[in-house]
Amino acid sequence: MDATRTVEELVAEATRDARSTQDAFRRFMEEWGSATRAYLAEGMAVQQASLTAAFDLQNAATQASRTMFDAAIQTGKSSMDQWARTTQDWQKATMGLTGATGRMIEQMVETFIPTAKR
């Protein structure tokens, strides 16, 4: 009887240890997933802020160039307008791609780390 009780206690202890290990691993995966999501979100925010700053500078340069261009050569105005529109279209496309990349990465994280909490 004493040996049986000892085996039962060992099995119970091993079961508790296994559950504890599973719980710790689950918590680790949830925290890692959340941390990864936060890191990616911050990275995307920094990238978008950098692009916005660069585009603001680019737009200011475009405006300054346009002012000089209009003053010097009125006939070239339509070319400058087209260049500005093309630049802004490119900027919008780049921002759209950046957002799509962020959503794709978020979907990948959710796919490969399904226990990650939002």
Protein backbone atom coordinates (compact mmCIF):
# COMPACT_ATOMS: atom_id res chain seq x y z
CA MET A 1 0.00 0.00 0.00
CA ASP A 2 2.82 2.39 0.83
CA ALA A 3 4.47 1.80 -2.57
CA THR A 4 1.16 2.38 -4.34
CA ARG A 5 0.64 5.63 -2.53
CA THR A 6 4.15 6.75 -3.39
CA VAL A 7 3.59 5.99 -7.09
CA GLU A 8 0.28 7.85 -6.98
CA GLU A 9 1.98 10.82 -5.36
CA LEU A 10 4.76 10.76 -7.97
CA VAL A 11 2.21 10.61 -10.80
CA ALA A 12 0.21 13.45 -9.26
CA GLU A 13 3.36 15.55 -8.82
CA ALA A 14 4.47 14.84 -12.40
CA THR A 15 1.01 15.82 -13.65
CA ARG A 16 1.13 19.09 -11.70
CA ASP A 17 4.62 19.79 -13.03
CA ALA A 18 3.49 19.09 -16.61
CA ARG A 19 0.50 21.42 -16.22
CA SER A 20 2.69 24.08 -14.68
CA THR A 21 5.15 23.75 -17.59
CA GLN A 22 2.30 23.96 -20.10
CA ASP A 23 0.88 27.04 -18.38
CA ALA A 24 4.31 28.71 -18.31
CA PHE A 25 4.86 27.94 -22.00
CA ARG A 26 1.39 29.24 -22.90
CA ARG A 27 2.04 32.47 -20.97
CA PHE A 28 5.42 32.81 -22.66
CA MET A 29 3.86 32.41 -26.12
CA GLU A 30 1.12 34.93 -25.31
CA GLU A 31 3.61 37.46 -23.99
CA TRP A 32 6.00 36.86 -26.87
CA GLY A 33 3.17 37.24 -29.37
CA SER A 34 1.99 40.43 -27.70
CA ALA A 35 5.53 41.79 -27.56
CA THR A 36 6.09 40.89 -31.21
CA ARG A 37 2.83 42.57 -32.20
CA ALA A 38 3.78 45.70 -30.21
CA TYR A 39 7.28 45.74 -31.72
CA LEU A 40 5.88 45.45 -35.25
CA ALA A 41 3.26 48.11 -34.59
CA GLU A 42 5.91 50.48 -33.25
CA GLY A 43 8.13 49.72 -36.23
CA MET A 44 5.32 50.49 -38.65
CA ALA A 45 4.49 53.70 -36.77
CA VAL A 46 8.13 54.81 -36.92
CA GLN A 47 8.31 53.96 -40.61
CA GLN A 48 5.13 55.90 -41.37
CA ALA A 49 6.31 58.87 -39.30
CA SER A 50 9.64 58.82 -41.15
CA LEU A 51 7.88 58.68 -44.50
CA THR A 52 5.54 61.50 -43.49
CA ALA A 53 8.49 63.67 -42.43
CA ALA A 54 10.34 62.90 -45.66
CA PHE A 55 7.22 63.62 -47.71
CA ASP A 56 6.64 66.91 -45.89
CA LEU A 57 10.19 67.93 -46.73
CA GLN A 58 9.74 66.73 -50.29
CA ASN A 59 6.48 68.68 -50.58
CA ALA A 60 8.13 71.81 -49.17
CA ALA A 61 10.94 71.44 -51.70
CA THR A 62 8.36 70.92 -54.43
CA GLN A 63 6.52 74.08 -53.37
CA ALA A 64 9.75 76.10 -53.20
CA SER A 65 10.80 74.79 -56.58
CA ARG A 66 7.40 75.56 -57.99
CA THR A 67 7.52 79.15 -56.76
CA MET A 68 10.91 79.69 -58.38
CA PHE A 69 9.85 77.87 -61.51
CA ASP A 70 6.66 79.93 -61.91
CA ALA A 71 8.58 83.16 -61.42
CA ALA A 72 11.25 82.22 -63.94
CA ILE A 73 9.36 80.28 -66.61
CA GLN A 74 5.58 80.53 -66.70
CA THR A 75 5.32 78.12 -69.63
CA GLY A 76 6.76 75.25 -67.58
CA LYS A 77 3.97 75.42 -65.00
CA SER A 78 2.03 72.47 -66.37
CA SER A 79 5.15 70.29 -66.26
CA MET A 80 5.76 71.19 -62.62
CA ASP A 81 2.11 70.50 -61.73
CA GLN A 82 2.36 67.08 -63.35
CA TRP A 83 5.56 66.35 -61.46
CA ALA A 84 3.95 67.39 -58.16
CA ARG A 85 0.86 65.23 -58.84
CA THR A 86 3.04 62.28 -59.78
CA THR A 87 5.11 62.74 -56.62
CA GLN A 88 1.99 62.89 -54.45
CA ASP A 89 0.52 59.83 -56.21
CA TRP A 90 3.77 57.99 -55.49
CA GLN A 91 3.62 59.10 -51.86
CA LYS A 92 0.05 57.83 -51.49
CA ALA A 93 1.00 54.52 -53.11
CA THR A 94 3.99 54.18 -50.80
CA MET A 95 1.87 54.86 -47.72
CA GLY A 96 -0.72 52.36 -48.94
CA LEU A 97 1.97 49.75 -49.44
CA THR A 98 3.37 50.45 -45.99
CA GLY A 99 -0.08 49.96 -44.45
CA ALA A 100 -0.65 46.78 -46.46
CA THR A 101 2.74 45.46 -45.34
CA GLY A 102 1.82 46.14 -41.71
CA ARG A 103 -1.50 44.33 -42.10
CA MET A 104 0.23 41.40 -43.81
CA ILE A 105 2.78 41.13 -40.98
CA GLU A 106 -0.01 41.32 -38.41
CA GLN A 107 -1.88 38.52 -40.18
CA MET A 108 1.31 36.43 -40.28
CA VAL A 109 1.81 36.96 -36.54
CA GLU A 110 -1.78 35.94 -35.86
CA THR A 111 -1.43 32.91 -38.11
CA PHE A 112 1.82 31.64 -36.62
CA ILE A 113 1.19 32.78 -33.04
CA PRO A 114 -2.52 32.09 -32.58
CA THR A 115 -2.31 32.49 -28.80
CA ALA A 116 -1.01 36.07 -29.08
CA LYS A 117 -3.32 38.50 -27.33
CA ARG A 118 -4.27 41.80 -28.91
